[in-house]
Amino acid sequence: MWFYVLLFALLVALVVIFGVLRLFIAVHHNVGVAPPTEDQKKQDLDKSPLFRHLPELKEELAWVDIGMYPTPIHRGHIEIPGKGDFEFYVKREDLSSNAYGGNKVRTLQHQLGVVQARMERENNLKKLVVLGSAGSNQILATVVHGFRGLGIPTFAGWFDEDKPDFDNTLNMLSCLSFRNLKYSTFGNKLTILKNVMQAVWSKQAIVLPPGGNNPSGVLGQMGGPLEISEQITQGEMPDPDAIYVAMGSSCTITGLIMGVALVKYVNMPAFKKQGFKIHGLPIHHGFVGLQKRIGFYNRDFSKNIPLSILHSIHSTCKTLRDDLRGPDLLEISLFVFHNMCVIHDEVDIVGTYGGHSDKSRAAADLFDRKGKLTDIYGEDGGKMWLCGHFSAKSYNVMLQDMEKIENKDKTFLFWETKSAVQPRSDDDEWIKFQREPKMVHKWANEGKAESSLREGKVDTENGTADDYRKIMTDVTGSATK
């Protein structure tokens, strides 16, 4: 009897796993690619580094001119007690927009272009569905640049809570400040599931996957290494020995890998140092645990699993070659991944997804107090916020490597992915947030401010909006950029 019960349970589990995998694959491919509209062709397409180096894609792939590029190169300085002074370079992706920056703006340039083009041509498509966890940068970037900037009807779905953290709550509050946005939090998951089903099976919507990891998103991220190569040529920084980046959905690091592959394909003078490496740190405790136990990201079977690097490389290379009639970068991209990429597994730095570990908190606090940034002219580069969700963790890995004596004279480049701007629009987000279920309030109230650069709190029981709004930037009348 027990044998048949266990066999039935195993079969149910396999069906569920297969169903979830199939859903993730469907979501990964849902946006697809599309040629530009006539209006999109009127933009200055040479602003796109991908189009500058692969001009044949201008007629094949939709793109929208969002963001302020190239993002600057700054020089970082930090004194570590008992260990000395250290210098490194920073790719300031956090400054990619004065409305909402960070790495997701690159991700969205082709994604939103494709969505806009498809909606113009396919009358059945009524909205864009964007998914993420409660502190999602992808959702906020899509709301700012897609819903607000391009007028794309959007539904935002926060399907799960992150670790309680003040900054995660701020991202949700920022979204709620945009008038007429349709949304649902993790307090009402059935509404989110309904919207995903509309996108995947009824074809009434388009869905962006968590973190934006799909071919059009990766193609956008390929612009980063192309920009770096141009900035090296212009003398803004030397050729780096290493790049350090946080890994969520693997979209950004896949774009870096394929961007380096394209730099080599077109023979640009960058990433040529012996021993050059791209260092990625998975910031989810589950994925970093898998990396530590079985080397998940380096295993060949991972190419069948969405949100893995190998799956993203294979999927994007196929799209570039077959759908866009671009170059076949698969072989060289795999070479870069296997020979020039290090996926870290420091579980003590990662801690729990959504917030600081003890180590990342200490590293971020030290930079808040003693760190300094200068631009290429030696002028003050302003502040750099190392968030507990993402960037502080990859920064901590870079610090560890810089402290090693064998790395004393090496050039390290830190990829700063978190927006420097926390936007607020013209609707009352506090009133909207008060209407959310108690479980959402509890999550928000437990989140504490971790950085001296962003002090405040959210307290739905005894607090007010004034407790946090001083951190936010009014973007009501600002340009989409």
Protein backbone atom coordinates (compact mmCIF):
# COMPACT_ATOMS: atom_id res chain seq x y z
CA MET A 1 0.00 0.00 0.00
CA TRP A 2 2.70 2.50 1.04
CA PHE A 3 4.62 1.71 -2.12
CA TYR A 4 1.71 2.87 -4.29
CA VAL A 5 1.21 6.00 -2.16
CA LEU A 6 4.88 6.94 -2.53
CA LEU A 7 4.79 6.16 -6.26
CA PHE A 8 1.74 8.39 -6.69
CA ALA A 9 3.39 11.19 -4.70
CA LEU A 10 6.50 10.90 -6.87
CA LEU A 11 4.44 11.08 -10.05
CA VAL A 12 2.59 14.18 -8.78
CA ALA A 13 5.90 15.81 -7.88
CA LEU A 14 7.31 15.09 -11.35
CA VAL A 15 4.19 16.51 -13.02
CA VAL A 16 4.45 19.69 -10.91
CA ILE A 17 8.18 20.08 -11.65
CA PHE A 18 7.59 19.53 -15.37
CA GLY A 19 4.71 22.01 -15.34
CA VAL A 20 6.72 24.70 -13.56
CA LEU A 21 9.68 24.19 -15.91
CA ARG A 22 7.41 24.42 -18.93
CA LEU A 23 5.86 27.62 -17.57
CA PHE A 24 9.28 29.20 -16.98
CA ILE A 25 10.38 28.28 -20.52
CA ALA A 26 7.17 29.76 -21.95
CA VAL A 27 7.69 32.98 -19.98
CA HIS A 28 11.34 33.14 -21.07
CA HIS A 29 10.34 33.12 -24.75
CA ASN A 30 7.13 35.15 -24.45
CA VAL A 31 8.52 38.55 -25.46
CA GLY A 32 10.55 37.25 -28.37
CA VAL A 33 12.02 39.70 -30.87
CA ALA A 34 10.46 41.92 -33.51
CA PRO A 35 11.58 44.41 -36.17
CA PRO A 36 11.28 48.10 -35.36
CA THR A 37 8.25 50.25 -36.16
CA GLU A 38 8.58 53.18 -38.53
CA ASP A 39 8.65 55.59 -35.59
CA GLN A 40 11.37 53.56 -33.86
CA LYS A 41 13.50 53.75 -37.01
CA LYS A 42 13.48 57.56 -36.69
CA GLN A 43 15.48 57.43 -33.46
CA ASP A 44 19.24 57.91 -33.45
CA LEU A 45 20.01 54.20 -33.63
CA ASP A 46 23.75 54.78 -33.36
CA LYS A 47 23.20 55.55 -29.68
CA SER A 48 22.95 51.77 -29.24
CA PRO A 49 26.41 50.18 -28.90
CA LEU A 50 25.00 46.93 -30.28
CA PHE A 51 23.84 48.71 -33.42
CA ARG A 52 27.12 50.60 -33.73
CA HIS A 53 29.02 47.31 -33.98
CA LEU A 54 26.32 45.18 -35.65
CA PRO A 55 24.52 47.76 -37.86
CA GLU A 56 22.73 44.99 -39.75
CA LEU A 57 20.49 44.53 -36.68
CA LYS A 58 18.94 47.99 -37.04
CA GLU A 59 16.31 46.64 -39.46
CA GLU A 60 15.78 43.42 -37.49
CA LEU A 61 15.48 44.33 -33.80
CA ALA A 62 13.26 46.92 -32.13
CA TRP A 63 14.94 49.32 -29.69
CA VAL A 64 13.84 52.35 -27.69
CA ASP A 65 16.10 55.20 -26.64
CA ILE A 66 15.76 55.06 -22.86
CA GLY A 67 18.57 55.77 -20.45
CA MET A 68 21.64 58.01 -20.51
CA TYR A 69 24.57 56.23 -22.14
CA PRO A 70 27.41 55.59 -22.03
CA THR A 71 27.36 55.31 -18.26
CA PRO A 72 30.51 56.86 -16.77
CA ILE A 73 33.62 55.16 -15.50
CA HIS A 74 34.63 56.27 -12.01
CA ARG A 75 37.58 55.39 -9.83
CA GLY A 76 36.92 53.98 -6.37
CA HIS A 77 39.18 54.38 -3.32
CA ILE A 78 38.81 52.52 -0.03
CA GLU A 79 41.04 52.15 3.01
CA ILE A 80 40.59 48.83 4.79
CA PRO A 81 41.81 48.95 8.39
CA GLY A 82 44.96 46.90 8.85
CA LYS A 83 45.14 45.99 5.16
CA GLY A 84 45.89 49.23 3.34
CA ASP A 85 44.50 51.41 0.57
CA PHE A 86 42.85 49.92 -2.49
CA GLU A 87 41.73 51.37 -5.82
CA PHE A 88 39.34 50.01 -8.40
CA TYR A 89 37.14 51.20 -11.26
CA VAL A 90 33.35 51.40 -11.28
CA LYS A 91 30.96 51.14 -14.21
CA ARG A 92 28.24 53.50 -12.98
CA GLU A 93 25.16 51.71 -14.25
CA ASP A 94 23.39 53.28 -11.26
CA LEU A 95 23.52 56.59 -13.16
CA SER A 96 21.86 55.27 -16.33
CA SER A 97 18.71 57.38 -15.82
CA ASN A 98 17.59 60.42 -13.85
CA ALA A 99 14.16 58.81 -13.44
CA TYR A 100 15.28 55.31 -12.41
CA GLY A 101 18.66 53.83 -13.32
CA GLY A 102 20.56 50.65 -12.64
CA ASN A 103 21.29 47.69 -14.87
CA LYS A 104 17.63 47.06 -15.76
CA VAL A 105 17.52 50.04 -18.12
CA ARG A 106 19.81 48.24 -20.57
CA THR A 107 17.67 45.12 -20.15
CA LEU A 108 14.58 47.08 -21.18
CA GLN A 109 15.90 48.89 -24.27
CA HIS A 110 15.11 46.03 -26.64
CA GLN A 111 12.43 44.43 -24.45
CA LEU A 112 10.23 47.52 -24.40
CA GLY A 113 11.01 48.18 -28.05
CA VAL A 114 9.80 44.69 -28.96
CA VAL A 115 6.71 45.04 -26.74
CA GLN A 116 5.86 48.39 -28.33
CA ALA A 117 6.36 47.01 -31.85
CA ARG A 118 4.31 43.88 -31.22
CA MET A 119 1.45 45.82 -29.62
CA GLU A 120 1.28 48.08 -32.67
CA ARG A 121 1.04 45.07 -35.00
CA GLU A 122 -0.91 42.53 -32.91
CA ASN A 123 -4.35 43.82 -31.95
CA ASN A 124 -5.00 41.03 -29.45
CA LEU A 125 -2.21 42.25 -27.13
CA LYS A 126 -3.69 44.49 -24.45
CA LYS A 127 -1.00 44.85 -21.79
CA LEU A 128 2.46 44.04 -20.50
CA VAL A 129 2.80 41.82 -17.42
CA VAL A 130 5.99 42.23 -15.40
CA LEU A 131 6.87 39.83 -12.58
CA GLY A 132 9.25 39.90 -9.65
CA SER A 133 9.62 39.48 -5.94
CA ALA A 134 8.60 42.24 -3.55
CA GLY A 135 11.77 44.32 -3.89
CA SER A 136 12.05 43.87 -7.65
CA ASN A 137 14.16 46.37 -9.58
CA GLN A 138 12.83 44.93 -12.85
CA ILE A 139 9.25 45.81 -11.96
CA LEU A 140 10.11 49.37 -10.94
CA ALA A 141 12.26 49.95 -14.03
CA THR A 142 9.45 48.65 -16.26
CA VAL A 143 6.89 50.89 -14.56
CA VAL A 144 9.13 53.96 -14.91
CA HIS A 145 10.34 53.44 -18.47
CA GLY A 146 7.54 51.35 -20.01
CA PHE A 147 4.32 52.37 -18.28
CA ARG A 148 5.26 55.99 -17.53
CA GLY A 149 7.78 56.68 -20.27
CA LEU A 150 6.22 54.90 -23.26
CA GLY A 151 2.59 54.64 -22.15
CA ILE A 152 2.52 50.82 -22.33
CA PRO A 153 -0.46 49.41 -20.35
CA THR A 154 1.21 47.44 -17.56
CA PHE A 155 0.32 45.01 -14.82
CA ALA A 156 2.93 44.60 -12.05
CA GLY A 157 2.90 41.36 -10.06
CA TRP A 158 4.98 40.92 -6.89
CA PHE A 159 4.59 37.16 -6.52
CA ASP A 160 6.66 36.61 -3.36
CA GLU A 161 8.15 38.52 -0.46
CA ASP A 162 11.87 39.15 -0.17
CA LYS A 163 13.67 39.36 3.13
CA PRO A 164 12.17 42.36 4.96
CA ASP A 165 14.30 45.37 4.10
CA PHE A 166 13.50 49.08 3.95
CA ASP A 167 14.88 49.39 0.43
CA ASN A 168 12.73 46.54 -0.88
CA THR A 169 9.63 48.25 0.48
CA LEU A 170 10.69 51.52 -1.13
CA ASN A 171 10.70 49.88 -4.57
CA MET A 172 7.10 48.78 -4.11
CA LEU A 173 6.07 52.21 -2.78
CA SER A 174 7.74 53.87 -5.77
CA CYS A 175 5.64 51.77 -8.14
CA LEU A 176 2.42 52.58 -6.30
CA SER A 177 3.09 56.31 -6.78
CA PHE A 178 2.42 55.98 -10.54
CA ARG A 179 -1.20 56.76 -11.26
CA ASN A 180 -3.44 54.12 -12.90
CA LEU A 181 -0.90 51.31 -12.67
CA LYS A 182 -2.56 47.89 -12.37
CA TYR A 183 -0.84 45.68 -9.83
CA SER A 184 -1.10 42.91 -7.28
CA THR A 185 1.17 42.06 -4.37
CA PHE A 186 2.02 38.67 -2.88
CA GLY A 187 -1.08 39.14 -0.74
CA ASN A 188 -3.20 38.21 -3.79
CA LYS A 189 -1.27 35.66 -5.84
CA LEU A 190 -4.31 34.39 -7.77
CA THR A 191 -4.60 37.72 -9.59
CA ILE A 192 -0.96 37.46 -10.60
CA LEU A 193 -1.42 33.89 -11.86
CA LYS A 194 -4.45 34.97 -13.90
CA ASN A 195 -2.44 37.68 -15.65
CA VAL A 196 0.43 35.28 -16.39
CA MET A 197 -2.00 32.78 -17.89
CA GLN A 198 -3.43 35.51 -20.12
CA ALA A 199 0.04 36.20 -21.44
CA VAL A 200 1.29 32.63 -21.87
CA TRP A 201 -1.79 30.78 -23.14
CA SER A 202 -4.53 33.19 -24.19
CA LYS A 203 -2.10 35.53 -26.01
CA GLN A 204 -3.81 38.66 -24.65
CA ALA A 205 -0.69 40.03 -23.00
CA ILE A 206 3.09 39.90 -23.07
CA VAL A 207 4.98 38.85 -19.96
CA LEU A 208 8.45 39.89 -18.81
CA PRO A 209 10.16 37.20 -16.73
CA PRO A 210 11.66 37.82 -13.29
CA GLY A 211 14.85 39.83 -13.68
CA GLY A 212 14.14 40.33 -17.38
CA ASN A 213 16.12 37.26 -18.42
CA ASN A 214 15.18 36.57 -22.03
CA PRO A 215 16.99 37.03 -25.36
CA SER A 216 15.97 40.66 -25.90
CA GLY A 217 17.09 41.50 -22.36
CA VAL A 218 20.46 39.79 -22.79
CA LEU A 219 20.98 41.58 -26.13
CA GLY A 220 20.52 44.87 -24.29
CA GLN A 221 23.09 43.92 -21.66
CA MET A 222 25.63 43.12 -24.39
CA GLY A 223 25.97 46.86 -24.82
CA GLY A 224 27.89 47.16 -21.55
CA PRO A 225 31.13 45.45 -22.62
CA LEU A 226 30.97 47.22 -25.99
CA GLU A 227 30.80 50.55 -24.15
CA ILE A 228 33.68 49.55 -21.88
CA SER A 229 35.76 48.67 -24.93
CA GLU A 230 35.09 52.11 -26.42
CA GLN A 231 35.90 53.81 -23.10
CA ILE A 232 39.19 51.88 -22.88
CA THR A 233 40.06 53.08 -26.39
CA GLN A 234 39.28 56.65 -25.31
CA GLY A 235 41.64 56.32 -22.33
CA GLU A 236 39.01 56.43 -19.59
CA MET A 237 40.38 53.28 -17.96
CA PRO A 238 42.98 50.58 -18.65
CA ASP A 239 42.01 47.15 -19.89
CA PRO A 240 40.66 45.35 -16.79
CA ASP A 241 41.91 42.14 -15.28
CA ALA A 242 38.51 41.36 -13.80
CA ILE A 243 34.86 42.45 -13.73
CA TYR A 244 32.66 41.83 -10.67
CA VAL A 245 28.87 41.66 -10.95
CA ALA A 246 25.92 40.44 -8.88
CA MET A 247 23.80 37.64 -10.35
CA GLY A 248 20.03 37.51 -9.93
CA SER A 249 18.26 36.13 -13.00
CA SER A 250 21.62 35.80 -14.85
CA CYS A 251 20.54 38.30 -17.52
CA THR A 252 23.29 40.85 -16.84
CA ILE A 253 26.17 38.39 -16.50
CA THR A 254 25.04 36.56 -19.66
CA GLY A 255 25.06 39.90 -21.47
CA LEU A 256 28.57 40.58 -20.18
CA ILE A 257 29.77 37.17 -21.37
CA MET A 258 28.21 37.55 -24.82
CA GLY A 259 29.32 41.19 -25.00
CA VAL A 260 32.93 40.15 -24.38
CA ALA A 261 32.45 37.46 -27.03
CA LEU A 262 31.24 40.10 -29.50
CA VAL A 263 34.19 42.37 -28.63
CA LYS A 264 36.48 39.49 -29.56
CA TYR A 265 34.43 38.69 -32.67
CA VAL A 266 34.82 42.24 -34.04
CA ASN A 267 38.42 42.42 -32.75
CA MET A 268 38.09 45.44 -30.48
CA PRO A 269 41.08 46.22 -28.21
CA ALA A 270 39.65 45.14 -24.85
CA PHE A 271 39.53 42.17 -22.47
CA LYS A 272 42.86 40.97 -23.81
CA LYS A 273 44.81 40.62 -20.57
CA GLN A 274 46.05 37.16 -19.76
CA GLY A 275 43.87 35.69 -17.04
CA PHE A 276 40.98 38.14 -17.58
CA LYS A 277 37.88 36.99 -15.69
CA ILE A 278 34.22 37.93 -15.22
CA HIS A 279 33.31 37.21 -11.58
CA GLY A 280 29.66 36.57 -10.77
CA LEU A 281 28.06 35.97 -7.38
CA PRO A 282 24.54 34.48 -7.23
CA ILE A 283 22.66 36.62 -4.70
CA HIS A 284 19.90 34.10 -3.95
CA HIS A 285 20.76 31.71 -1.11
CA GLY A 286 19.17 28.82 -2.99
CA PHE A 287 21.21 29.29 -6.17
CA VAL A 288 24.49 30.01 -4.39
CA GLY A 289 23.86 26.87 -2.32
CA LEU A 290 23.42 24.84 -5.52
CA GLN A 291 26.61 26.35 -6.90
CA LYS A 292 28.53 25.39 -3.77
CA ARG A 293 27.16 21.84 -3.60
CA ILE A 294 27.08 20.76 -7.24
CA GLY A 295 28.57 23.62 -9.30
CA PHE A 296 25.11 24.22 -10.79
CA TYR A 297 25.96 27.04 -13.21
CA ASN A 298 28.92 25.14 -14.65
CA ARG A 299 27.02 21.89 -15.21
CA ASP A 300 26.00 21.12 -18.79
CA PHE A 301 22.47 20.10 -17.74
CA SER A 302 21.76 23.68 -16.62
CA LYS A 303 21.41 24.71 -20.27
CA ASN A 304 17.89 23.24 -20.07
CA ILE A 305 16.89 25.36 -17.07
CA PRO A 306 15.72 28.99 -17.47
CA LEU A 307 17.56 31.62 -15.38
CA SER A 308 20.84 29.72 -15.76
CA ILE A 309 23.75 31.23 -17.69
CA LEU A 310 24.10 28.34 -20.15
CA HIS A 311 20.38 28.38 -20.95
CA SER A 312 20.55 32.13 -21.54
CA ILE A 313 23.63 31.85 -23.77
CA HIS A 314 22.12 29.12 -25.93
CA SER A 315 18.75 30.85 -26.16
CA THR A 316 20.15 34.29 -27.01
CA CYS A 317 22.73 32.99 -29.50
CA LYS A 318 20.00 31.05 -31.31
CA THR A 319 17.80 34.14 -31.45
CA LEU A 320 20.67 36.32 -32.71
CA ARG A 321 21.64 33.81 -35.40
CA ASP A 322 18.27 32.45 -36.57
CA ASP A 323 15.74 35.22 -35.93
CA LEU A 324 17.86 38.34 -36.34
CA ARG A 325 20.28 37.05 -39.00
CA GLY A 326 23.22 38.20 -36.92
CA PRO A 327 26.54 36.46 -36.28
CA ASP A 328 26.76 33.05 -34.64
CA LEU A 329 28.39 33.79 -31.29
CA LEU A 330 27.66 30.47 -29.59
CA GLU A 331 31.12 28.92 -29.80
CA ILE A 332 32.99 32.04 -28.68
CA SER A 333 30.40 32.79 -25.95
CA LEU A 334 30.80 29.30 -24.52
CA PHE A 335 34.57 29.74 -24.68
CA VAL A 336 34.32 32.98 -22.69
CA PHE A 337 32.02 31.33 -20.15
CA HIS A 338 34.14 28.24 -19.61
CA ASN A 339 37.54 29.99 -19.66
CA MET A 340 36.95 33.57 -18.55
CA CYS A 341 34.13 33.34 -16.04
CA VAL A 342 34.18 32.52 -12.32
CA ILE A 343 30.90 31.81 -10.54
CA HIS A 344 31.42 32.28 -6.82
CA ASP A 345 29.80 30.29 -4.03
CA GLU A 346 30.47 32.29 -0.85
CA VAL A 347 27.27 31.51 1.03
CA ASP A 348 28.40 33.58 4.01
CA ILE A 349 28.54 36.72 1.85
CA VAL A 350 25.16 36.02 0.26
CA GLY A 351 23.22 35.26 3.43
CA THR A 352 19.48 35.37 2.69
CA TYR A 353 17.99 36.63 -0.57
CA GLY A 354 16.71 40.19 -0.42
CA GLY A 355 18.98 41.69 2.22
CA HIS A 356 22.43 42.03 3.70
CA SER A 357 24.55 39.30 5.20
CA ASP A 358 26.81 40.31 8.08
CA LYS A 359 29.77 40.45 5.70
CA SER A 360 28.09 42.48 2.97
CA ARG A 361 26.68 44.89 5.57
CA ALA A 362 30.16 45.50 7.01
CA ALA A 363 31.66 46.04 3.54
CA ALA A 364 28.91 48.47 2.52
CA ASP A 365 29.10 50.38 5.82
CA LEU A 366 32.86 50.80 5.45
CA PHE A 367 32.45 52.24 1.96
CA ASP A 368 29.64 54.52 3.14
CA ARG A 369 31.99 55.95 5.79
CA LYS A 370 35.39 55.90 4.09
CA GLY A 371 34.91 55.19 0.42
CA LYS A 372 35.51 57.81 -2.25
CA LEU A 373 34.71 58.07 -5.94
CA THR A 374 36.32 60.33 -8.52
CA ASP A 375 35.48 60.80 -12.19
CA ILE A 376 37.96 60.58 -15.06
CA TYR A 377 38.97 64.20 -14.42
CA GLY A 378 39.70 63.61 -10.74
CA GLU A 379 36.56 65.44 -9.59
CA ASP A 380 34.21 64.16 -6.88
CA GLY A 381 32.13 61.27 -8.24
CA GLY A 382 29.42 61.53 -5.59
CA LYS A 383 28.02 58.65 -3.57
CA MET A 384 27.57 55.02 -4.54
CA TRP A 385 24.87 53.08 -2.75
CA LEU A 386 25.80 49.43 -2.13
CA CYS A 387 22.44 47.78 -1.59
CA GLY A 388 22.05 44.67 0.57
CA HIS A 389 19.96 42.92 -2.06
CA PHE A 390 22.57 42.91 -4.84
CA SER A 391 25.59 45.12 -5.26
CA ALA A 392 27.10 45.00 -1.75
CA LYS A 393 27.54 41.24 -2.13
CA SER A 394 29.51 41.30 -5.37
CA TYR A 395 31.47 44.29 -4.04
CA ASN A 396 32.40 42.20 -0.99
CA VAL A 397 33.75 39.43 -3.25
CA MET A 398 35.85 41.99 -5.12
CA LEU A 399 37.25 43.30 -1.81
CA GLN A 400 38.32 39.79 -0.84
CA ASP A 401 40.17 39.36 -4.12
CA MET A 402 41.79 42.80 -3.98
CA GLU A 403 43.27 41.96 -0.58
CA LYS A 404 45.20 39.00 -2.02
CA ILE A 405 48.85 39.82 -2.54
CA GLU A 406 48.90 38.30 -6.04
CA ASN A 407 46.25 40.83 -7.13
CA LYS A 408 48.11 43.92 -5.89
CA ASP A 409 48.71 45.50 -9.31
CA LYS A 410 45.60 44.26 -11.09
CA THR A 411 42.83 46.45 -12.51
CA PHE A 412 39.44 45.54 -11.10
CA LEU A 413 36.11 46.84 -12.48
CA PHE A 414 33.00 46.82 -10.30
CA TRP A 415 29.62 46.72 -12.07
CA GLU A 416 27.33 48.93 -9.95
CA THR A 417 23.80 47.78 -10.75
CA LYS A 418 21.49 49.53 -8.25
CA SER A 419 19.78 52.78 -9.24
CA ALA A 420 21.02 55.95 -7.57
CA VAL A 421 17.48 57.36 -7.87
CA GLN A 422 14.43 56.26 -5.84
CA PRO A 423 11.53 57.72 -7.84
CA ARG A 424 8.18 59.09 -6.72
CA SER A 425 5.38 60.14 -9.06
CA ASP A 426 2.14 62.04 -8.42
CA ASP A 427 -0.19 59.48 -6.83
CA ASP A 428 -0.44 58.83 -3.07
CA GLU A 429 1.44 55.57 -2.65
CA TRP A 430 0.99 55.60 1.13
CA ILE A 431 -2.80 55.43 0.92
CA LYS A 432 -2.58 52.62 -1.62
CA PHE A 433 -0.12 50.70 0.53
CA GLN A 434 -2.39 50.99 3.55
CA ARG A 435 -5.03 49.03 1.60
CA GLU A 436 -2.75 46.02 1.17
CA PRO A 437 -3.30 42.85 3.28
CA LYS A 438 -1.79 42.62 6.76
CA MET A 439 0.86 40.16 5.59
CA VAL A 440 2.26 42.85 3.28
CA HIS A 441 2.19 45.41 6.13
CA LYS A 442 3.99 42.98 8.42
CA TRP A 443 6.70 42.41 5.80
CA ALA A 444 7.20 46.15 5.32
CA ASN A 445 7.21 47.01 9.02
CA GLU A 446 9.96 44.48 9.73
CA GLY A 447 12.29 45.96 7.10
CA LYS A 448 15.04 48.16 8.53
CA ALA A 449 17.17 50.82 6.86
CA GLU A 450 20.69 49.46 6.42
CA SER A 451 22.59 52.39 4.88
CA SER A 452 23.50 55.77 6.31
CA LEU A 453 22.85 57.09 2.80
CA ARG A 454 19.18 56.06 2.95
CA GLU A 455 17.84 56.53 6.45
CA GLY A 456 14.13 56.14 7.10
CA LYS A 457 11.43 53.62 7.93
CA VAL A 458 8.05 52.26 6.90
CA ASP A 459 5.60 51.81 9.77
CA THR A 460 2.02 51.18 8.68
CA GLU A 461 0.75 51.24 12.27
CA ASN A 462 2.27 54.36 13.78
CA GLY A 463 4.25 56.03 11.01
CA THR A 464 3.57 58.38 8.11
CA ALA A 465 4.81 58.84 4.55
CA ASP A 466 7.19 61.53 5.81
CA ASP A 467 9.25 58.75 7.41
CA TYR A 468 10.60 57.73 3.99
CA ARG A 469 9.71 60.29 1.31
CA LYS A 470 12.83 62.37 1.89
CA ILE A 471 14.79 59.59 0.16
CA MET A 472 12.60 59.70 -2.94
CA THR A 473 13.08 61.92 -5.99
CA ASP A 474 10.06 63.60 -7.60
CA VAL A 475 10.00 62.44 -11.23
CA THR A 476 6.57 63.81 -12.09
CA GLY A 477 7.83 66.38 -14.54
CA SER A 478 11.23 64.93 -15.42
CA ALA A 479 12.17 63.59 -18.82
CA THR A 480 11.88 59.85 -19.42
CA LYS A 481 15.67 59.59 -19.51
